[in-house]
PDB file of N, CA and C in Angstrom:
ATOM      1  N   MET A   1     195.220 179.633-162.622  1.00  0.00           N
ATOM      2  CA  MET A   1     194.005 179.036-162.208  1.00  0.00           C
ATOM      3  C   MET A   1     194.105 178.261-160.830  1.00  0.00           C
ATOM      4  N   CYS A   2     195.226 177.565-160.671  1.00  0.00           N
ATOM      5  CA  CYS A   2     195.509 176.723-159.479  1.00  0.00           C
ATOM      6  C   CYS A   2     195.480 177.622-158.245  1.00  0.00           C
ATOM      7  N   VAL A   3     196.007 178.781-158.440  1.00  0.00           N
ATOM      8  CA  VAL A   3     196.156 179.813-157.267  1.00  0.00           C
ATOM      9  C   VAL A   3     194.569 180.187-156.725  1.00  0.00           C
ATOM     10  N   HIS A   4     193.728 180.297-157.651  1.00  0.00           N
ATOM     11  CA  HIS A   4     192.304 180.651-157.364  1.00  0.00           C
ATOM     12  C   HIS A   4     191.663 179.503-156.616  1.00  0.00           C
ATOM     13  N   LYS A   5     192.052 178.258-157.027  1.00  0.00           N
ATOM     14  CA  LYS A   5     191.421 177.113-156.510  1.00  0.00           C
ATOM     15  C   LYS A   5     191.977 176.908-155.025  1.00  0.00           C
ATOM     16  N   ALA A   6     193.227 177.143-154.788  1.00  0.00           N
ATOM     17  CA  ALA A   6     193.777 177.138-153.577  1.00  0.00           C
ATOM     18  C   ALA A   6     193.340 178.138-152.594  1.00  0.00           C
ATOM     19  N   ILE A   7     193.091 179.354-153.127  1.00  0.00           N
ATOM     20  CA  ILE A   7     192.574 180.460-152.273  1.00  0.00           C
ATOM     21  C   ILE A   7     191.173 180.001-151.799  1.00  0.00           C
ATOM     22  N   THR A   8     190.392 179.565-152.784  1.00  0.00           N
ATOM     23  CA  THR A   8     188.902 179.199-152.586  1.00  0.00           C
ATOM     24  C   THR A   8     188.897 177.988-151.520  1.00  0.00           C
ATOM     25  N   LYS A   9     189.787 177.114-151.629  1.00  0.00           N
ATOM     26  CA  LYS A   9     189.719 175.899-150.749  1.00  0.00           C
ATOM     27  C   LYS A   9     190.155 176.424-149.301  1.00  0.00           C
ATOM     28  N   HIS A  10     191.117 177.379-149.281  1.00  0.00           N
ATOM     29  CA  HIS A  10     191.555 177.823-148.028  1.00  0.00           C
ATOM     30  C   HIS A  10     190.334 178.607-147.278  1.00  0.00           C
ATOM     31  N   LEU A  11     189.783 179.529-148.056  1.00  0.00           N
ATOM     32  CA  LEU A  11     188.679 180.302-147.554  1.00  0.00           C
ATOM     33  C   LEU A  11     187.501 179.413-147.089  1.00  0.00           C
ATOM     34  N   GLN A  12     187.239 178.391-147.757  1.00  0.00           N
ATOM     35  CA  GLN A  12     186.140 177.391-147.430  1.00  0.00           C
ATOM     36  C   GLN A  12     186.465 176.776-146.102  1.00  0.00           C
ATOM     37  N   LYS A  13     187.819 176.423-145.830  1.00  0.00           N
ATOM     38  CA  LYS A  13     188.122 175.753-144.672  1.00  0.00           C
ATOM     39  C   LYS A  13     188.018 176.697-143.493  1.00  0.00           C
ATOM     40  N   GLN A  14     188.423 177.947-143.684  1.00  0.00           N
ATOM     41  CA  GLN A  14     188.218 178.964-142.654  1.00  0.00           C
ATOM     42  C   GLN A  14     186.775 179.224-142.314  1.00  0.00           C
ATOM     43  N   ASN A  15     186.049 179.209-143.345  1.00  0.00           N
ATOM     44  CA  ASN A  15     184.554 179.468-143.105  1.00  0.00           C
ATOM     45  C   ASN A  15     183.964 178.337-142.326  1.00  0.00           C
ATOM     46  N   GLN A  16     184.450 177.080-142.722  1.00  0.00           N
ATOM     47  CA  GLN A  16     183.908 175.937-141.910  1.00  0.00           C
ATOM     48  C   GLN A  16     184.448 175.960-140.445  1.00  0.00           C
ATOM     49  N   THR A  17     185.612 176.454-140.266  1.00  0.00           N
ATOM     50  CA  THR A  17     186.029 176.551-138.911  1.00  0.00           C
ATOM     51  C   THR A  17     185.303 177.626-138.068  1.00  0.00           C
ATOM     52  N   ILE A  18     185.130 178.761-138.749  1.00  0.00           N
ATOM     53  CA  ILE A  18     184.262 179.888-138.074  1.00  0.00           C
ATOM     54  C   ILE A  18     182.867 179.310-137.848  1.00  0.00           C
ATOM     55  N   ARG A  19     182.246 178.663-138.675  1.00  0.00           N
ATOM     56  CA  ARG A  19     180.894 178.087-138.371  1.00  0.00           C
ATOM     57  C   ARG A  19     180.808 177.026-137.250  1.00  0.00           C
ATOM     58  N   ALA A  20     181.906 176.311-137.195  1.00  0.00           N
ATOM     59  CA  ALA A  20     181.999 175.375-136.091  1.00  0.00           C
ATOM     60  C   ALA A  20     182.159 176.044-134.751  1.00  0.00           C
ATOM     61  N   PHE A  21     183.079 177.122-134.818  1.00  0.00           N
ATOM     62  CA  PHE A  21     183.289 177.946-133.609  1.00  0.00           C
ATOM     63  C   PHE A  21     182.018 178.565-133.080  1.00  0.00           C
ATOM     64  N   LEU A  22     181.269 179.183-133.953  1.00  0.00           N
ATOM     65  CA  LEU A  22     179.937 179.783-133.589  1.00  0.00           C
ATOM     66  C   LEU A  22     179.031 178.813-132.987  1.00  0.00           C
ATOM     67  N   ALA A  23     178.997 177.751-133.511  1.00  0.00           N
ATOM     68  CA  ALA A  23     177.956 176.628-133.055  1.00  0.00           C
ATOM     69  C   ALA A  23     178.464 176.247-131.638  1.00  0.00           C
ATOM     70  N   LEU A  24     179.755 175.986-131.482  1.00  0.00           N
ATOM     71  CA  LEU A  24     180.254 175.629-130.054  1.00  0.00           C
ATOM     72  C   LEU A  24     180.150 176.705-129.205  1.00  0.00           C
ATOM     73  N   ASP A  25     180.407 177.981-129.616  1.00  0.00           N
ATOM     74  CA  ASP A  25     180.269 179.008-128.730  1.00  0.00           C
ATOM     75  C   ASP A  25     178.912 179.261-128.176  1.00  0.00           C
ATOM     76  N   GLN A  26     177.891 178.968-129.131  1.00  0.00           N
ATOM     77  CA  GLN A  26     176.529 179.074-128.618  1.00  0.00           C
ATOM     78  C   GLN A  26     176.098 177.920-127.608  1.00  0.00           C
ATOM     79  N   SER A  27     176.628 176.778-127.945  1.00  0.00           N
ATOM     80  CA  SER A  27     176.394 175.646-127.143  1.00  0.00           C
ATOM     81  C   SER A  27     177.060 175.895-125.668  1.00  0.00           C
ATOM     82  N   ARG A  28     178.243 176.522-125.626  1.00  0.00           N
ATOM     83  CA  ARG A  28     178.955 176.899-124.380  1.00  0.00           C
ATOM     84  C   ARG A  28     178.080 177.848-123.670  1.00  0.00           C
ATOM     85  N   GLU A  29     177.662 178.894-124.326  1.00  0.00           N
ATOM     86  CA  GLU A  29     176.715 179.964-123.572  1.00  0.00           C
ATOM     87  C   GLU A  29     175.447 179.268-123.090  1.00  0.00           C
ATOM     88  N   GLU A  30     174.838 178.358-123.786  1.00  0.00           N
ATOM     89  CA  GLU A  30     173.764 177.631-123.152  1.00  0.00           C
ATOM     90  C   GLU A  30     173.973 176.786-122.053  1.00  0.00           C
ATOM     91  N   ALA A  31     175.197 176.229-121.953  1.00  0.00           N
ATOM     92  CA  ALA A  31     175.723 175.409-120.780  1.00  0.00           C
ATOM     93  C   ALA A  31     176.003 176.244-119.676  1.00  0.00           C
ATOM     94  N   ILE A  32     176.624 177.472-119.863  1.00  0.00           N
ATOM     95  CA  ILE A  32     176.820 178.385-118.758  1.00  0.00           C
ATOM     96  C   ILE A  32     175.531 178.881-118.195  1.00  0.00           C
ATOM     97  N   GLU A  33     174.513 179.163-119.026  1.00  0.00           N
ATOM     98  CA  GLU A  33     173.273 179.645-118.485  1.00  0.00           C
ATOM     99  C   GLU A  33     172.486 178.556-117.585  1.00  0.00           C
ATOM    100  N   LYS A  34     172.787 177.388-118.109  1.00  0.00           N
ATOM    101  CA  LYS A  34     172.115 176.285-117.423  1.00  0.00           C
ATOM    102  C   LYS A  34     172.697 176.100-116.000  1.00  0.00           C
ATOM    103  N   ALA A  35     174.067 176.276-115.896  1.00  0.00           N
ATOM    104  CA  ALA A  35     174.884 176.257-114.595  1.00  0.00           C
ATOM    105  C   ALA A  35     174.361 177.466-113.704  1.00  0.00           C
ATOM    106  N   ILE A  36     174.278 178.430-114.361  1.00  0.00           N
ATOM    107  CA  ILE A  36     173.903 179.680-113.555  1.00  0.00           C
ATOM    108  C   ILE A  36     172.527 179.573-113.034  1.00  0.00           C
ATOM    109  N   ALA A  37     171.536 179.087-113.867  1.00  0.00           N
ATOM    110  CA  ALA A  37     170.178 178.769-113.311  1.00  0.00           C
ATOM    111  C   ALA A  37     170.162 177.887-112.188  1.00  0.00           C
ATOM    112  N   LEU A  38     170.826 176.731-112.265  1.00  0.00           N
ATOM    113  CA  LEU A  38     171.067 175.737-111.141  1.00  0.00           C
ATOM    114  C   LEU A  38     171.611 176.368-109.904  1.00  0.00           C
ATOM    115  N   ALA A  39     172.693 177.169-110.126  1.00  0.00           N
ATOM    116  CA  ALA A  39     173.262 177.669-108.950  1.00  0.00           C
ATOM    117  C   ALA A  39     172.300 178.832-108.320  1.00  0.00           C
ATOM    118  N   LYS A  40     171.548 179.500-109.154  1.00  0.00           N
ATOM    119  CA  LYS A  40     170.562 180.521-108.409  1.00  0.00           C
ATOM    120  C   LYS A  40     169.649 179.751-107.669  1.00  0.00           C
ATOM    121  N   ALA A  41     169.257 178.553-108.141  1.00  0.00           N
ATOM    122  CA  ALA A  41     168.179 177.751-107.382  1.00  0.00           C
ATOM    123  C   ALA A  41     168.738 176.903-106.227  1.00  0.00           C
ATOM    124  N   ASN A  42     170.042 177.146-106.025  1.00  0.00           N
ATOM    125  CA  ASN A  42     170.703 176.462-104.866  1.00  0.00           C
ATOM    126  C   ASN A  42     170.840 174.927-105.138  1.00  0.00           C
ATOM    127  N   LYS A  43     170.855 174.523-106.494  1.00  0.00           N
ATOM    128  CA  LYS A  43     170.858 173.119-106.833  1.00  0.00           C
ATOM    129  C   LYS A  43     172.220 172.763-107.343  1.00  0.00           C
ATOM    130  N   PRO A  44     172.609 171.390-107.245  1.00  0.00           N
ATOM    131  CA  PRO A  44     173.964 171.058-107.591  1.00  0.00           C
ATOM    132  C   PRO A  44     174.170 171.240-109.182  1.00  0.00           C
ATOM    133  N   PHE A  45     175.329 171.715-109.478  1.00  0.00           N
ATOM    134  CA  PHE A  45     175.723 172.055-110.929  1.00  0.00           C
ATOM    135  C   PHE A  45     177.094 171.483-111.230  1.00  0.00           C
ATOM    136  N   SER A  46     177.419 171.387-112.461  1.00  0.00           N
ATOM    137  CA  SER A  46     178.830 171.090-112.791  1.00  0.00           C
ATOM    138  C   SER A  46     179.220 171.911-114.051  1.00  0.00           C
ATOM    139  N   THR A  47     180.553 172.100-113.998  1.00  0.00           N
ATOM    140  CA  THR A  47     180.996 172.920-115.216  1.00  0.00           C
ATOM    141  C   THR A  47     181.648 172.028-116.308  1.00  0.00           C
ATOM    142  N   ASP A  48     181.477 170.706-116.108  1.00  0.00           N
ATOM    143  CA  ASP A  48     182.021 169.687-116.984  1.00  0.00           C
ATOM    144  C   ASP A  48     181.597 170.055-118.488  1.00  0.00           C
ATOM    145  N   GLU A  49     180.353 170.110-118.617  1.00  0.00           N
ATOM    146  CA  GLU A  49     180.012 170.266-120.003  1.00  0.00           C
ATOM    147  C   GLU A  49     180.600 171.593-120.632  1.00  0.00           C
ATOM    148  N   ILE A  50     180.547 172.715-119.908  1.00  0.00           N
ATOM    149  CA  ILE A  50     181.006 173.951-120.344  1.00  0.00           C
ATOM    150  C   ILE A  50     182.516 173.743-120.765  1.00  0.00           C
ATOM    151  N   ASN A  51     183.360 173.013-119.911  1.00  0.00           N
ATOM    152  CA  ASN A  51     184.681 172.935-120.141  1.00  0.00           C
ATOM    153  C   ASN A  51     184.946 171.779-121.343  1.00  0.00           C
ATOM    154  N   ARG A  52     184.062 170.958-121.559  1.00  0.00           N
ATOM    155  CA  ARG A  52     184.248 169.992-122.590  1.00  0.00           C
ATOM    156  C   ARG A  52     184.091 170.867-123.984  1.00  0.00           C
ATOM    157  N   ILE A  53     183.090 171.623-123.799  1.00  0.00           N
ATOM    158  CA  ILE A  53     182.940 172.511-125.223  1.00  0.00           C
ATOM    159  C   ILE A  53     184.068 173.436-125.264  1.00  0.00           C
ATOM    160  N   THR A  54     184.559 174.022-124.185  1.00  0.00           N
ATOM    161  CA  THR A  54     185.583 174.991-124.215  1.00  0.00           C
ATOM    162  C   THR A  54     186.899 174.364-124.845  1.00  0.00           C
ATOM    163  N   GLU A  55     187.094 173.074-124.393  1.00  0.00           N
ATOM    164  CA  GLU A  55     188.192 172.346-124.976  1.00  0.00           C
ATOM    165  C   GLU A  55     188.188 172.165-126.434  1.00  0.00           C
ATOM    166  N   LYS A  56     186.995 171.950-126.911  1.00  0.00           N
ATOM    167  CA  LYS A  56     186.763 171.868-128.508  1.00  0.00           C
ATOM    168  C   LYS A  56     187.058 173.288-129.111  1.00  0.00           C
ATOM    169  N   ILE A  57     186.432 174.286-128.505  1.00  0.00           N
ATOM    170  CA  ILE A  57     186.850 175.679-128.964  1.00  0.00           C
ATOM    171  C   ILE A  57     188.223 175.874-129.049  1.00  0.00           C
ATOM    172  N   ASN A  58     189.031 175.633-128.035  1.00  0.00           N
ATOM    173  CA  ASN A  58     190.410 175.935-128.010  1.00  0.00           C
ATOM    174  C   ASN A  58     191.187 175.041-128.872  1.00  0.00           C
ATOM    175  N   GLU A  59     190.641 173.875-129.219  1.00  0.00           N
ATOM    176  CA  GLU A  59     191.216 173.103-130.372  1.00  0.00           C
ATOM    177  C   GLU A  59     191.085 173.714-131.694  1.00  0.00           C
ATOM    178  N   LEU A  60     189.916 174.247-131.899  1.00  0.00           N
ATOM    179  CA  LEU A  60     189.746 174.967-133.191  1.00  0.00           C
ATOM    180  C   LEU A  60     190.590 176.141-133.247  1.00  0.00           C
ATOM    181  N   ALA A  61     190.880 176.853-132.139  1.00  0.00           N
ATOM    182  CA  ALA A  61     191.638 178.093-132.168  1.00  0.00           C
ATOM    183  C   ALA A  61     193.130 177.920-132.596  1.00  0.00           C
ATOM    184  N   LEU A  62     193.556 176.578-132.395  1.00  0.00           N
ATOM    185  CA  LEU A  62     195.001 176.349-132.866  1.00  0.00           C
ATOM    186  C   LEU A  62     195.183 176.655-134.249  1.00  0.00           C
ATOM    187  N   SER A  63     194.071 176.758-135.121  1.00  0.00           N
ATOM    188  CA  SER A  63     194.270 177.108-136.580  1.00  0.00           C
ATOM    189  C   SER A  63     194.671 178.776-136.799  1.00  0.00           C
ATOM    190  N   GLY A  64     194.226 179.353-135.657  1.00  0.00           N
ATOM    191  CA  GLY A  64     194.618 180.765-135.778  1.00  0.00           C
ATOM    192  C   GLY A  64     193.511 181.570-136.322  1.00  0.00           C
ATOM    193  N   THR A  65     192.291 180.969-136.637  1.00  0.00           N
ATOM    194  CA  THR A  65     191.222 181.737-137.188  1.00  0.00           C
ATOM    195  C   THR A  65     190.244 182.242-136.173  1.00  0.00           C
ATOM    196  N   THR A  66     190.101 181.471-135.066  1.00  0.00           N
ATOM    197  CA  THR A  66     188.985 181.663-134.114  1.00  0.00           C
ATOM    198  C   THR A  66     189.674 182.039-132.658  1.00  0.00           C
ATOM    199  N   PRO A  67     188.973 182.771-131.849  1.00  0.00           N
ATOM    200  CA  PRO A  67     189.602 182.959-130.543  1.00  0.00           C
ATOM    201  C   PRO A  67     189.477 181.716-129.479  1.00  0.00           C
ATOM    202  N   THR A  68     190.201 181.873-128.406  1.00  0.00           N
ATOM    203  CA  THR A  68     190.145 180.693-127.428  1.00  0.00           C
ATOM    204  C   THR A  68     189.064 181.347-126.451  1.00  0.00           C
ATOM    205  N   ARG A  69     188.702 180.343-125.479  1.00  0.00           N
ATOM    206  CA  ARG A  69     187.837 180.582-124.357  1.00  0.00           C
ATOM    207  C   ARG A  69     188.387 180.132-123.071  1.00  0.00           C
ATOM    208  N   LYS A  70     188.097 180.792-122.061  1.00  0.00           N
ATOM    209  CA  LYS A  70     188.735 180.262-120.731  1.00  0.00           C
ATOM    210  C   LYS A  70     187.812 179.108-120.187  1.00  0.00           C
ATOM    211  N   TYR A  71     188.466 178.250-119.405  1.00  0.00           N
ATOM    212  CA  TYR A  71     187.790 177.238-118.636  1.00  0.00           C
ATOM    213  C   TYR A  71     187.079 177.858-117.526  1.00  0.00           C
ATOM    214  N   VAL A  72     185.921 177.277-117.236  1.00  0.00           N
ATOM    215  CA  VAL A  72     184.996 177.858-116.139  1.00  0.00           C
ATOM    216  C   VAL A  72     185.093 176.972-114.881  1.00  0.00           C
ATOM    217  N   THR A  73     185.256 177.583-113.695  1.00  0.00           N
ATOM    218  CA  THR A  73     185.249 176.790-112.545  1.00  0.00           C
ATOM    219  C   THR A  73     183.809 176.966-111.784  1.00  0.00           C
ATOM    220  N   PRO A  74     183.523 176.039-110.920  1.00  0.00           N
ATOM    221  CA  PRO A  74     182.272 176.308-110.044  1.00  0.00           C
ATOM    222  C   PRO A  74     182.287 177.580-109.368  1.00  0.00           C
ATOM    223  N   GLU A  75     183.492 178.040-108.875  1.00  0.00           N
ATOM    224  CA  GLU A  75     183.702 179.131-108.068  1.00  0.00           C
ATOM    225  C   GLU A  75     183.389 180.428-108.977  1.00  0.00           C
ATOM    226  N   MET A  76     183.731 180.348-110.255  1.00  0.00           N
ATOM    227  CA  MET A  76     183.453 181.500-111.144  1.00  0.00           C
ATOM    228  C   MET A  76     181.904 181.613-111.337  1.00  0.00           C
ATOM    229  N   VAL A  77     181.219 180.478-111.490  1.00  0.00           N
ATOM    230  CA  VAL A  77     179.815 180.627-111.569  1.00  0.00           C
ATOM    231  C   VAL A  77     179.239 181.095-110.277  1.00  0.00           C
ATOM    232  N   MET A  78     179.550 180.689-109.249  1.00  0.00           N
ATOM    233  CA  MET A  78     179.156 181.233-107.961  1.00  0.00           C
ATOM    234  C   MET A  78     179.290 182.644-107.656  1.00  0.00           C
ATOM    235  N   GLU A  79     180.621 183.075-108.154  1.00  0.00           N
ATOM    236  CA  GLU A  79     180.942 184.544-108.071  1.00  0.00           C
ATOM    237  C   GLU A  79     179.883 185.242-108.931  1.00  0.00           C
ATOM    238  N   TYR A  80     179.645 184.871-110.136  1.00  0.00           N
ATOM    239  CA  TYR A  80     178.733 185.578-111.026  1.00  0.00           C
ATOM    240  C   TYR A  80     177.446 185.711-110.383  1.00  0.00           C
ATOM    241  N   VAL A  81     176.910 184.570-109.935  1.00  0.00           N
ATOM    242  CA  VAL A  81     175.424 184.437-109.284  1.00  0.00           C
ATOM    243  C   VAL A  81     175.434 185.340-108.115  1.00  0.00           C
ATOM    244  N   ASN A  82     176.621 185.461-107.329  1.00  0.00           N
ATOM    245  CA  ASN A  82     176.420 186.295-106.137  1.00  0.00           C
ATOM    246  C   ASN A  82     176.512 187.803-106.492  1.00  0.00           C
ATOM    247  N   LYS A  83     177.064 188.206-107.697  1.00  0.00           N
ATOM    248  CA  LYS A  83     177.079 189.495-107.872  1.00  0.00           C
ATOM    249  C   LYS A  83     175.733 189.932-108.496  1.00  0.00           C
ATOM    250  N   LYS A  84     174.976 189.141-109.054  1.00  0.00           N
ATOM    251  CA  LYS A  84     173.649 189.488-109.608  1.00  0.00           C
ATOM    252  C   LYS A  84     172.608 189.734-108.384  1.00  0.00           C
TER     253      LYS A  84
END
């Protein structure tokens, strides 16, 4: 019976990690879209919020359950905007 409880606890922790990743990844995508919109409008923008969220995502990834994300530079945002 103890094995079943241990497995259940482990799966619950993984599920919690995955849910946290999904929420952070959604927030990161929203921050990226905001930076892109500002760049398209020739307004000043920052990638600080994107990278703050990225750092949290990469910390979660240390558990081995979720993927990592790359840090974003202002040049990357401008490159994307110029391609569109």
